[in-house]
C-alpha cells in the first residue's frame, strides 16, 4: 500500500487549486493537510464555495500552515510573484514543491533548483501538467530536427496574465535544443502593425491568443517544401491537468532536486 502523502494547496479557490483539492480527495494515498489562501483565516475548506466538505484548515500565513501541519508536498497554482515566495518557503521547511504557476524565468528555475539540491529536496516546476501537452512538446522537439521552419500559436482564456504561456516558452526551449537558430520569412519582411508577426525567439515566432471560452490550447506548425506538419493539443477543462499533478506529487517524493517540466520525468 502506498505511503500517505500530506499535501497543502495554495490558491484553493482558483480553478486549478480547487480541481487539485478534488483530485487529492479522490486519491486514496493523498491527504489534504490544509490550504493557503489570502483570506478566510480560521475557516475550514468546507466553508469555501465549490470545495469538498472537508474539515481542513484555511491559513493566510504560509509559515503558520507549515508549522502547524504535517506537510510533505506543496501544490501551488497561484501567480508568479506569490508562487516564488511559496516555493522558497516550502524549501525552507523541507517541503517538496509542485508548482503549476507559470511565469517562472530560466533564472528563477536555476535558483530554486540550486536551493532544493542543496537540501536534497525533490520538486517540480511545470508550465503544463496535461500529459497530452507534454507529448505535444516532445513531438515538436523531434520534428524540429527535420522541419526547422516553425511557429507556435497558443490560445488561453482571457484571464491569463502572462504571454506567451509557459507551455509555449517551454516548447520553444525544447525546439531550440534540436534546431539551429535561423531567420524565418522574407529577409525584407515589414510589420505594418507592430506585433503582427508575434514574438520572436531565435527566429521562431510565438503568437498568443486570449479569448473567453478558451482553456489551454496550442498548435506548433512546421513548414517545409510542399508540406505542413501541425502538432496540436487542447485542454477543454482543468481536470485534464490532474493526472499529471498526481504523477508529479508521487514522483517528487523520490527526487533530490527540482525538475522543470513534466517531460523530465516521463519516459
C-alpha atoms as a PDB file:
ATOM      1  CA  UNK A   1       0.000   0.000   0.000  1.00  0.00           C
ATOM      2  CA  UNK A   2       1.347   3.450  -0.957  1.00  0.00           C
ATOM      3  CA  UNK A   3       2.536   5.701   1.832  1.00  0.00           C
ATOM      4  CA  UNK A   4       0.203   8.587   2.652  1.00  0.00           C
ATOM      5  CA  UNK A   5       1.396  11.921   1.232  1.00  0.00           C
ATOM      6  CA  UNK A   6       0.252  15.003   3.137  1.00  0.00           C
ATOM      7  CA  UNK A   7      -0.395  17.928   0.806  1.00  0.00           C
ATOM      8  CA  UNK A   8      -1.022  21.653   1.230  1.00  0.00           C
ATOM      9  CA  UNK A   9      -2.669  23.554  -1.620  1.00  0.00           C
ATOM     10  CA  UNK A  10      -2.047  27.251  -2.273  1.00  0.00           C
ATOM     11  CA  UNK A  11      -4.775  29.052  -4.170  1.00  0.00           C
ATOM     12  CA  UNK A  12      -7.655  26.737  -3.209  1.00  0.00           C
ATOM     13  CA  UNK A  13     -10.421  28.937  -4.614  1.00  0.00           C
ATOM     14  CA  UNK A  14      -8.827  29.236  -8.050  1.00  0.00           C
ATOM     15  CA  UNK A  15      -9.972  26.922 -10.823  1.00  0.00           C
ATOM     16  CA  UNK A  16      -6.761  24.872 -10.770  1.00  0.00           C
ATOM     17  CA  UNK A  17      -6.438  24.875  -6.981  1.00  0.00           C
ATOM     18  CA  UNK A  18      -9.998  23.698  -6.442  1.00  0.00           C
ATOM     19  CA  UNK A  19      -9.527  20.958  -9.048  1.00  0.00           C
ATOM     20  CA  UNK A  20      -6.361  19.861  -7.234  1.00  0.00           C
ATOM     21  CA  UNK A  21      -8.318  19.556  -3.981  1.00  0.00           C
ATOM     22  CA  UNK A  22     -10.896  17.317  -5.667  1.00  0.00           C
ATOM     23  CA  UNK A  23      -8.052  15.220  -7.111  1.00  0.00           C
ATOM     24  CA  UNK A  24      -6.474  14.831  -3.647  1.00  0.00           C
ATOM     25  CA  UNK A  25      -9.804  13.739  -2.208  1.00  0.00           C
ATOM     26  CA  UNK A  26     -10.152  11.109  -4.944  1.00  0.00           C
ATOM     27  CA  UNK A  27      -6.631   9.690  -4.454  1.00  0.00           C
ATOM     28  CA  UNK A  28      -6.510   7.104  -1.682  1.00  0.00           C
ATOM     29  CA  UNK A  29      -2.948   7.764  -0.513  1.00  0.00           C
ATOM     30  CA  UNK A  30      -3.202  11.579  -0.654  1.00  0.00           C
ATOM     31  CA  UNK A  31      -4.282  13.621   2.356  1.00  0.00           C
ATOM     32  CA  UNK A  32      -5.134  17.314   2.308  1.00  0.00           C
ATOM     33  CA  UNK A  33      -3.304  18.820   5.287  1.00  0.00           C
ATOM     34  CA  UNK A  34      -4.583  22.368   4.775  1.00  0.00           C
ATOM     35  CA  UNK A  35      -4.871  25.195   2.275  1.00  0.00           C
ATOM     36  CA  UNK A  36      -3.229  28.597   1.913  1.00  0.00           C
ATOM     37  CA  UNK A  37      -5.468  31.472   0.838  1.00  0.00           C
ATOM     38  CA  UNK A  38      -5.145  35.243   1.021  1.00  0.00           C
ATOM     39  CA  UNK A  39      -8.286  35.403   3.182  1.00  0.00           C
ATOM     40  CA  UNK A  40     -10.685  33.187   5.209  1.00  0.00           C
ATOM     41  CA  UNK A  41      -8.203  32.647   8.058  1.00  0.00           C
ATOM     42  CA  UNK A  42      -9.631  30.275  10.661  1.00  0.00           C
ATOM     43  CA  UNK A  43     -12.263  28.784   8.383  1.00  0.00           C
ATOM     44  CA  UNK A  44     -12.367  25.257   7.018  1.00  0.00           C
ATOM     45  CA  UNK A  45     -12.194  24.053   3.432  1.00  0.00           C
ATOM     46  CA  UNK A  46     -15.841  23.020   3.805  1.00  0.00           C
ATOM     47  CA  UNK A  47     -16.711  26.709   4.322  1.00  0.00           C
ATOM     48  CA  UNK A  48     -15.348  27.723   0.916  1.00  0.00           C
ATOM     49  CA  UNK A  49     -17.799  27.641  -2.009  1.00  0.00           C
ATOM     50  CA  UNK A  50     -17.385  24.879  -4.544  1.00  0.00           C
ATOM     51  CA  UNK A  51     -14.971  22.824  -2.453  1.00  0.00           C
ATOM     52  CA  UNK A  52     -15.494  19.401  -0.829  1.00  0.00           C
ATOM     53  CA  UNK A  53     -16.937  19.084   2.662  1.00  0.00           C
ATOM     54  CA  UNK A  54     -13.549  18.728   4.321  1.00  0.00           C
ATOM     55  CA  UNK A  55     -12.675  19.795   7.837  1.00  0.00           C
ATOM     56  CA  UNK A  56      -9.238  21.042   6.867  1.00  0.00           C
ATOM     57  CA  UNK A  57      -7.928  24.446   7.975  1.00  0.00           C
ATOM     58  CA  UNK A  58      -7.513  27.548   5.832  1.00  0.00           C
ATOM     59  CA  UNK A  59      -4.374  29.615   6.505  1.00  0.00           C
ATOM     60  CA  UNK A  60      -3.481  33.083   5.296  1.00  0.00           C
ATOM     61  CA  UNK A  61       0.048  32.700   6.712  1.00  0.00           C
ATOM     62  CA  UNK A  62       2.092  30.012   4.965  1.00  0.00           C
ATOM     63  CA  UNK A  63       4.533  29.844   7.886  1.00  0.00           C
ATOM     64  CA  UNK A  64       1.686  29.002  10.274  1.00  0.00           C
ATOM     65  CA  UNK A  65       0.451  26.316   7.903  1.00  0.00           C
ATOM     66  CA  UNK A  66       3.847  24.684   7.590  1.00  0.00           C
ATOM     67  CA  UNK A  67       4.494  24.980  11.353  1.00  0.00           C
ATOM     68  CA  UNK A  68       1.118  23.648  12.472  1.00  0.00           C
ATOM     69  CA  UNK A  69       0.513  20.887   9.911  1.00  0.00           C
ATOM     70  CA  UNK A  70       2.476  17.871   8.706  1.00  0.00           C
ATOM     71  CA  UNK A  71       3.093  18.693   5.043  1.00  0.00           C
ATOM     72  CA  UNK A  72       5.120  16.626   2.567  1.00  0.00           C
ATOM     73  CA  UNK A  73       4.208  18.435  -0.657  1.00  0.00           C
ATOM     74  CA  UNK A  74       3.007  21.923  -1.555  1.00  0.00           C
ATOM     75  CA  UNK A  75       0.837  22.262  -4.678  1.00  0.00           C
ATOM     76  CA  UNK A  76       0.789  25.862  -5.883  1.00  0.00           C
ATOM     77  CA  UNK A  77      -1.443  27.293  -8.607  1.00  0.00           C
ATOM     78  CA  UNK A  78      -1.343  30.979  -7.670  1.00  0.00           C
ATOM     79  CA  UNK A  79       0.596  33.563  -9.718  1.00  0.00           C
ATOM     80  CA  UNK A  80       4.328  34.143 -10.246  1.00  0.00           C
ATOM     81  CA  UNK A  81       5.036  36.694  -7.500  1.00  0.00           C
ATOM     82  CA  UNK A  82       3.247  34.616  -4.848  1.00  0.00           C
ATOM     83  CA  UNK A  83       4.431  31.286  -6.294  1.00  0.00           C
ATOM     84  CA  UNK A  84       8.079  32.326  -5.984  1.00  0.00           C
ATOM     85  CA  UNK A  85       7.596  33.225  -2.321  1.00  0.00           C
ATOM     86  CA  UNK A  86       5.773  29.967  -1.673  1.00  0.00           C
ATOM     87  CA  UNK A  87       8.399  27.765  -3.311  1.00  0.00           C
ATOM     88  CA  UNK A  88      11.111  29.403  -1.196  1.00  0.00           C
ATOM     89  CA  UNK A  89       9.056  28.845   1.960  1.00  0.00           C
ATOM     90  CA  UNK A  90       8.497  25.213   1.013  1.00  0.00           C
ATOM     91  CA  UNK A  91      12.223  24.643   0.539  1.00  0.00           C
ATOM     92  CA  UNK A  92      12.945  26.374   3.854  1.00  0.00           C
ATOM     93  CA  UNK A  93      10.592  23.939   5.610  1.00  0.00           C
ATOM     94  CA  UNK A  94      11.881  20.864   3.695  1.00  0.00           C
ATOM     95  CA  UNK A  95       8.566  20.553   1.881  1.00  0.00           C
ATOM     96  CA  UNK A  96       8.568  19.357  -1.720  1.00  0.00           C
ATOM     97  CA  UNK A  97       7.035  21.931  -4.104  1.00  0.00           C
ATOM     98  CA  UNK A  98       4.895  21.062  -7.116  1.00  0.00           C
ATOM     99  CA  UNK A  99       4.393  24.379  -8.875  1.00  0.00           C
ATOM    100  CA  UNK A 100       1.935  24.823 -11.734  1.00  0.00           C
ATOM    101  CA  UNK A 101       2.139  28.604 -11.696  1.00  0.00           C
ATOM    102  CA  UNK A 102       3.538  29.899 -14.989  1.00  0.00           C
ATOM    103  CA  UNK A 103       5.784  32.931 -15.405  1.00  0.00           C
ATOM    104  CA  UNK A 104       8.964  31.489 -13.881  1.00  0.00           C
ATOM    105  CA  UNK A 105      12.071  32.590 -15.786  1.00  0.00           C
ATOM    106  CA  UNK A 106      15.019  30.304 -16.512  1.00  0.00           C
ATOM    107  CA  UNK A 107      16.933  32.259 -13.851  1.00  0.00           C
ATOM    108  CA  UNK A 108      14.166  31.551 -11.315  1.00  0.00           C
ATOM    109  CA  UNK A 109      14.239  27.844 -12.148  1.00  0.00           C
ATOM    110  CA  UNK A 110      18.038  27.719 -11.851  1.00  0.00           C
ATOM    111  CA  UNK A 111      17.952  29.489  -8.490  1.00  0.00           C
ATOM    112  CA  UNK A 112      15.294  27.280  -6.907  1.00  0.00           C
ATOM    113  CA  UNK A 113      16.890  24.150  -8.350  1.00  0.00           C
ATOM    114  CA  UNK A 114      20.145  25.023  -6.565  1.00  0.00           C
ATOM    115  CA  UNK A 115      18.263  25.820  -3.347  1.00  0.00           C
ATOM    116  CA  UNK A 116      16.468  22.451  -3.398  1.00  0.00           C
ATOM    117  CA  UNK A 117      19.512  20.460  -4.465  1.00  0.00           C
ATOM    118  CA  UNK A 118      21.476  21.827  -1.501  1.00  0.00           C
ATOM    119  CA  UNK A 119      18.875  20.172   0.764  1.00  0.00           C
ATOM    120  CA  UNK A 120      18.462  17.094  -1.475  1.00  0.00           C
ATOM    121  CA  UNK A 121      14.819  18.034  -1.796  1.00  0.00           C
ATOM    122  CA  UNK A 122      12.693  16.964  -4.743  1.00  0.00           C
ATOM    123  CA  UNK A 123      10.244  19.228  -6.502  1.00  0.00           C
ATOM    124  CA  UNK A 124       8.782  20.280  -9.835  1.00  0.00           C
ATOM    125  CA  UNK A 125       8.024  23.481 -11.692  1.00  0.00           C
ATOM    126  CA  UNK A 126       5.872  22.686 -14.707  1.00  0.00           C
ATOM    127  CA  UNK A 127       4.229  25.039 -17.207  1.00  0.00           C
ATOM    128  CA  UNK A 128       1.713  22.336 -18.119  1.00  0.00           C
ATOM    129  CA  UNK A 129       0.614  19.168 -16.319  1.00  0.00           C
ATOM    130  CA  UNK A 130      -1.521  17.731 -19.131  1.00  0.00           C
ATOM    131  CA  UNK A 131       0.131  14.542 -20.364  1.00  0.00           C
ATOM    132  CA  UNK A 132      -1.048  15.248 -23.917  1.00  0.00           C
ATOM    133  CA  UNK A 133       0.559  18.700 -23.826  1.00  0.00           C
ATOM    134  CA  UNK A 134       3.862  17.183 -22.739  1.00  0.00           C
ATOM    135  CA  UNK A 135       3.683  14.721 -25.634  1.00  0.00           C
ATOM    136  CA  UNK A 136       2.941  17.644 -27.970  1.00  0.00           C
ATOM    137  CA  UNK A 137       6.148  19.324 -26.774  1.00  0.00           C
ATOM    138  CA  UNK A 138       8.183  16.140 -27.180  1.00  0.00           C
ATOM    139  CA  UNK A 139       6.832  15.518 -30.695  1.00  0.00           C
ATOM    140  CA  UNK A 140       7.619  19.133 -31.614  1.00  0.00           C
ATOM    141  CA  UNK A 141      11.195  18.730 -30.432  1.00  0.00           C
ATOM    142  CA  UNK A 142      11.556  15.646 -32.623  1.00  0.00           C
ATOM    143  CA  UNK A 143      10.056  17.357 -35.665  1.00  0.00           C
ATOM    144  CA  UNK A 144      12.281  20.454 -35.390  1.00  0.00           C
ATOM    145  CA  UNK A 145      15.315  18.417 -36.427  1.00  0.00           C
ATOM    146  CA  UNK A 146      13.774  17.771 -39.827  1.00  0.00           C
ATOM    147  CA  UNK A 147      11.467  20.784 -40.279  1.00  0.00           C
ATOM    148  CA  UNK A 148      13.240  23.800 -38.725  1.00  0.00           C
ATOM    149  CA  UNK A 149      10.764  26.441 -40.000  1.00  0.00           C
ATOM    150  CA  UNK A 150       8.228  26.593 -37.192  1.00  0.00           C
ATOM    151  CA  UNK A 151       5.736  28.880 -35.492  1.00  0.00           C
ATOM    152  CA  UNK A 152       3.743  28.403 -32.279  1.00  0.00           C
ATOM    153  CA  UNK A 153       0.164  29.559 -31.733  1.00  0.00           C
ATOM    154  CA  UNK A 154      -1.022  29.303 -28.147  1.00  0.00           C
ATOM    155  CA  UNK A 155      -4.558  30.144 -27.032  1.00  0.00           C
ATOM    156  CA  UNK A 156      -5.762  30.664 -23.480  1.00  0.00           C
ATOM    157  CA  UNK A 157      -8.655  32.175 -21.547  1.00  0.00           C
ATOM    158  CA  UNK A 158      -8.700  35.948 -21.282  1.00  0.00           C
ATOM    159  CA  UNK A 159      -7.891  35.967 -17.552  1.00  0.00           C
ATOM    160  CA  UNK A 160      -4.389  34.596 -18.089  1.00  0.00           C
ATOM    161  CA  UNK A 161      -1.848  37.240 -17.093  1.00  0.00           C
ATOM    162  CA  UNK A 162       1.336  36.080 -18.843  1.00  0.00           C
ATOM    163  CA  UNK A 163       2.058  35.921 -22.558  1.00  0.00           C
ATOM    164  CA  UNK A 164       3.406  33.880 -24.128  1.00  0.00           C
ATOM    165  CA  UNK A 165       2.313  30.974 -21.974  1.00  0.00           C
ATOM    166  CA  UNK A 166       4.794  28.896 -20.016  1.00  0.00           C
ATOM    167  CA  UNK A 167       3.906  25.962 -22.268  1.00  0.00           C
ATOM    168  CA  UNK A 168       4.855  27.940 -25.382  1.00  0.00           C
ATOM    169  CA  UNK A 169       8.120  29.076 -23.809  1.00  0.00           C
ATOM    170  CA  UNK A 170       8.969  25.518 -22.764  1.00  0.00           C
ATOM    171  CA  UNK A 171       8.059  24.212 -26.232  1.00  0.00           C
ATOM    172  CA  UNK A 172      10.350  26.791 -27.842  1.00  0.00           C
ATOM    173  CA  UNK A 173      13.203  25.814 -25.499  1.00  0.00           C
ATOM    174  CA  UNK A 174      12.807  22.152 -26.435  1.00  0.00           C
ATOM    175  CA  UNK A 175      12.696  23.016 -30.142  1.00  0.00           C
ATOM    176  CA  UNK A 176      15.864  25.108 -29.825  1.00  0.00           C
ATOM    177  CA  UNK A 177      17.640  22.047 -28.409  1.00  0.00           C
ATOM    178  CA  UNK A 178      17.055  20.331 -31.751  1.00  0.00           C
ATOM    179  CA  UNK A 179      17.207  23.260 -34.186  1.00  0.00           C
ATOM    180  CA  UNK A 180      19.842  25.814 -35.186  1.00  0.00           C
ATOM    181  CA  UNK A 181      18.934  29.468 -34.726  1.00  0.00           C
ATOM    182  CA  UNK A 182      17.670  30.813 -38.025  1.00  0.00           C
ATOM    183  CA  UNK A 183      15.734  33.698 -39.585  1.00  0.00           C
ATOM    184  CA  UNK A 184      12.326  32.772 -40.958  1.00  0.00           C
ATOM    185  CA  UNK A 185      10.240  34.568 -43.542  1.00  0.00           C
ATOM    186  CA  UNK A 186      11.288  37.115 -46.139  1.00  0.00           C
ATOM    187  CA  UNK A 187      14.543  38.937 -45.280  1.00  0.00           C
ATOM    188  CA  UNK A 188      12.865  42.279 -46.029  1.00  0.00           C
ATOM    189  CA  UNK A 189       9.671  41.493 -44.140  1.00  0.00           C
ATOM    190  CA  UNK A 190       7.969  44.509 -42.534  1.00  0.00           C
ATOM    191  CA  UNK A 191       5.239  44.622 -39.916  1.00  0.00           C
ATOM    192  CA  UNK A 192       2.577  47.129 -40.950  1.00  0.00           C
ATOM    193  CA  UNK A 193       1.105  46.823 -37.447  1.00  0.00           C
ATOM    194  CA  UNK A 194       3.604  46.239 -34.642  1.00  0.00           C
ATOM    195  CA  UNK A 195       3.447  42.693 -33.293  1.00  0.00           C
ATOM    196  CA  UNK A 196       1.674  41.253 -36.319  1.00  0.00           C
ATOM    197  CA  UNK A 197       4.321  38.559 -36.673  1.00  0.00           C
ATOM    198  CA  UNK A 198       4.221  37.631 -32.999  1.00  0.00           C
ATOM    199  CA  UNK A 199       7.077  37.392 -30.517  1.00  0.00           C
ATOM    200  CA  UNK A 200      10.462  36.368 -31.937  1.00  0.00           C
ATOM    201  CA  UNK A 201      12.633  33.800 -30.163  1.00  0.00           C
ATOM    202  CA  UNK A 202      15.791  32.740 -32.022  1.00  0.00           C
ATOM    203  CA  UNK A 203      13.938  33.106 -35.299  1.00  0.00           C
ATOM    204  CA  UNK A 204      10.908  31.154 -34.099  1.00  0.00           C
ATOM    205  CA  UNK A 205       7.636  33.083 -33.835  1.00  0.00           C
ATOM    206  CA  UNK A 206       5.145  32.711 -30.973  1.00  0.00           C
ATOM    207  CA  UNK A 207       1.580  34.051 -31.222  1.00  0.00           C
ATOM    208  CA  UNK A 208      -0.644  34.416 -28.134  1.00  0.00           C
ATOM    209  CA  UNK A 209      -4.453  34.459 -28.330  1.00  0.00           C
ATOM    210  CA  UNK A 210      -6.582  35.445 -25.306  1.00  0.00           C
ATOM    211  CA  UNK A 211     -10.348  34.948 -25.529  1.00  0.00           C
ATOM    212  CA  UNK A 212     -13.196  33.962 -23.212  1.00  0.00           C
ATOM    213  CA  UNK A 213     -14.299  30.375 -23.772  1.00  0.00           C
ATOM    214  CA  UNK A 214     -10.772  29.049 -24.181  1.00  0.00           C
ATOM    215  CA  UNK A 215      -8.950  26.976 -21.550  1.00  0.00           C
ATOM    216  CA  UNK A 216      -5.468  25.966 -22.800  1.00  0.00           C
ATOM    217  CA  UNK A 217      -4.673  25.187 -26.428  1.00  0.00           C
ATOM    218  CA  UNK A 218      -1.511  25.121 -28.510  1.00  0.00           C
ATOM    219  CA  UNK A 219      -0.509  24.199 -32.032  1.00  0.00           C
ATOM    220  CA  UNK A 220       3.025  24.018 -33.368  1.00  0.00           C
ATOM    221  CA  UNK A 221       3.157  24.430 -37.155  1.00  0.00           C
ATOM    222  CA  UNK A 222       6.146  23.192 -39.142  1.00  0.00           C
ATOM    223  CA  UNK A 223       6.591  24.208 -42.772  1.00  0.00           C
ATOM    224  CA  UNK A 224       8.617  22.502 -45.490  1.00  0.00           C
ATOM    225  CA  UNK A 225       8.721  22.291 -49.255  1.00  0.00           C
ATOM    226  CA  UNK A 226       5.164  21.452 -50.308  1.00  0.00           C
ATOM    227  CA  UNK A 227       4.087  20.333 -46.838  1.00  0.00           C
ATOM    228  CA  UNK A 228       2.894  21.373 -43.372  1.00  0.00           C
ATOM    229  CA  UNK A 229       3.017  19.415 -40.132  1.00  0.00           C
ATOM    230  CA  UNK A 230       0.817  20.558 -37.252  1.00  0.00           C
ATOM    231  CA  UNK A 231       1.179  19.183 -33.732  1.00  0.00           C
ATOM    232  CA  UNK A 232      -1.785  20.285 -31.636  1.00  0.00           C
ATOM    233  CA  UNK A 233      -3.109  19.845 -28.124  1.00  0.00           C
ATOM    234  CA  UNK A 234      -6.324  21.074 -26.482  1.00  0.00           C
ATOM    235  CA  UNK A 235      -7.317  21.095 -22.832  1.00  0.00           C
ATOM    236  CA  UNK A 236     -11.076  21.570 -22.565  1.00  0.00           C
ATOM    237  CA  UNK A 237     -11.230  21.607 -18.754  1.00  0.00           C
ATOM    238  CA  UNK A 238      -8.895  21.758 -15.758  1.00  0.00           C
ATOM    239  CA  UNK A 239      -9.335  18.093 -14.958  1.00  0.00           C
ATOM    240  CA  UNK A 240      -7.065  17.363 -17.941  1.00  0.00           C
ATOM    241  CA  UNK A 241      -4.117  18.542 -15.819  1.00  0.00           C
ATOM    242  CA  UNK A 242      -4.784  16.444 -12.737  1.00  0.00           C
ATOM    243  CA  UNK A 243      -3.289  13.101 -13.824  1.00  0.00           C
ATOM    244  CA  UNK A 244      -0.013  14.939 -14.368  1.00  0.00           C
ATOM    245  CA  UNK A 245      -0.247  16.678 -10.990  1.00  0.00           C
ATOM    246  CA  UNK A 246      -0.902  13.329  -9.289  1.00  0.00           C
ATOM    247  CA  UNK A 247       2.091  11.776 -11.066  1.00  0.00           C
ATOM    248  CA  UNK A 248       4.289  14.726 -10.119  1.00  0.00           C
ATOM    249  CA  UNK A 249       3.349  14.522  -6.432  1.00  0.00           C
ATOM    250  CA  UNK A 250       4.189  10.827  -6.329  1.00  0.00           C
ATOM    251  CA  UNK A 251       7.440  11.329  -8.234  1.00  0.00           C
ATOM    252  CA  UNK A 252       8.893  14.282  -6.309  1.00  0.00           C
ATOM    253  CA  UNK A 253       8.917  12.155  -3.158  1.00  0.00           C
ATOM    254  CA  UNK A 254      11.807  10.221  -4.750  1.00  0.00           C
ATOM    255  CA  UNK A 255      13.716  13.134  -6.311  1.00  0.00           C
ATOM    256  CA  UNK A 256      16.613  15.053  -4.756  1.00  0.00           C
ATOM    257  CA  UNK A 257      16.283  18.262  -6.790  1.00  0.00           C
ATOM    258  CA  UNK A 258      13.708  20.346  -8.625  1.00  0.00           C
ATOM    259  CA  UNK A 259      12.996  19.484 -12.246  1.00  0.00           C
ATOM    260  CA  UNK A 260      11.457  21.823 -14.814  1.00  0.00           C
ATOM    261  CA  UNK A 261       8.668  20.287 -16.816  1.00  0.00           C
ATOM    262  CA  UNK A 262       6.694  17.071 -16.637  1.00  0.00           C
ATOM    263  CA  UNK A 263       8.664  15.847 -19.649  1.00  0.00           C
ATOM    264  CA  UNK A 264      11.681  15.406 -17.371  1.00  0.00           C
ATOM    265  CA  UNK A 265      10.009  12.546 -15.501  1.00  0.00           C
ATOM    266  CA  UNK A 266       8.096  10.946 -18.391  1.00  0.00           C
ATOM    267  CA  UNK A 267       9.923   8.135 -20.167  1.00  0.00           C
END
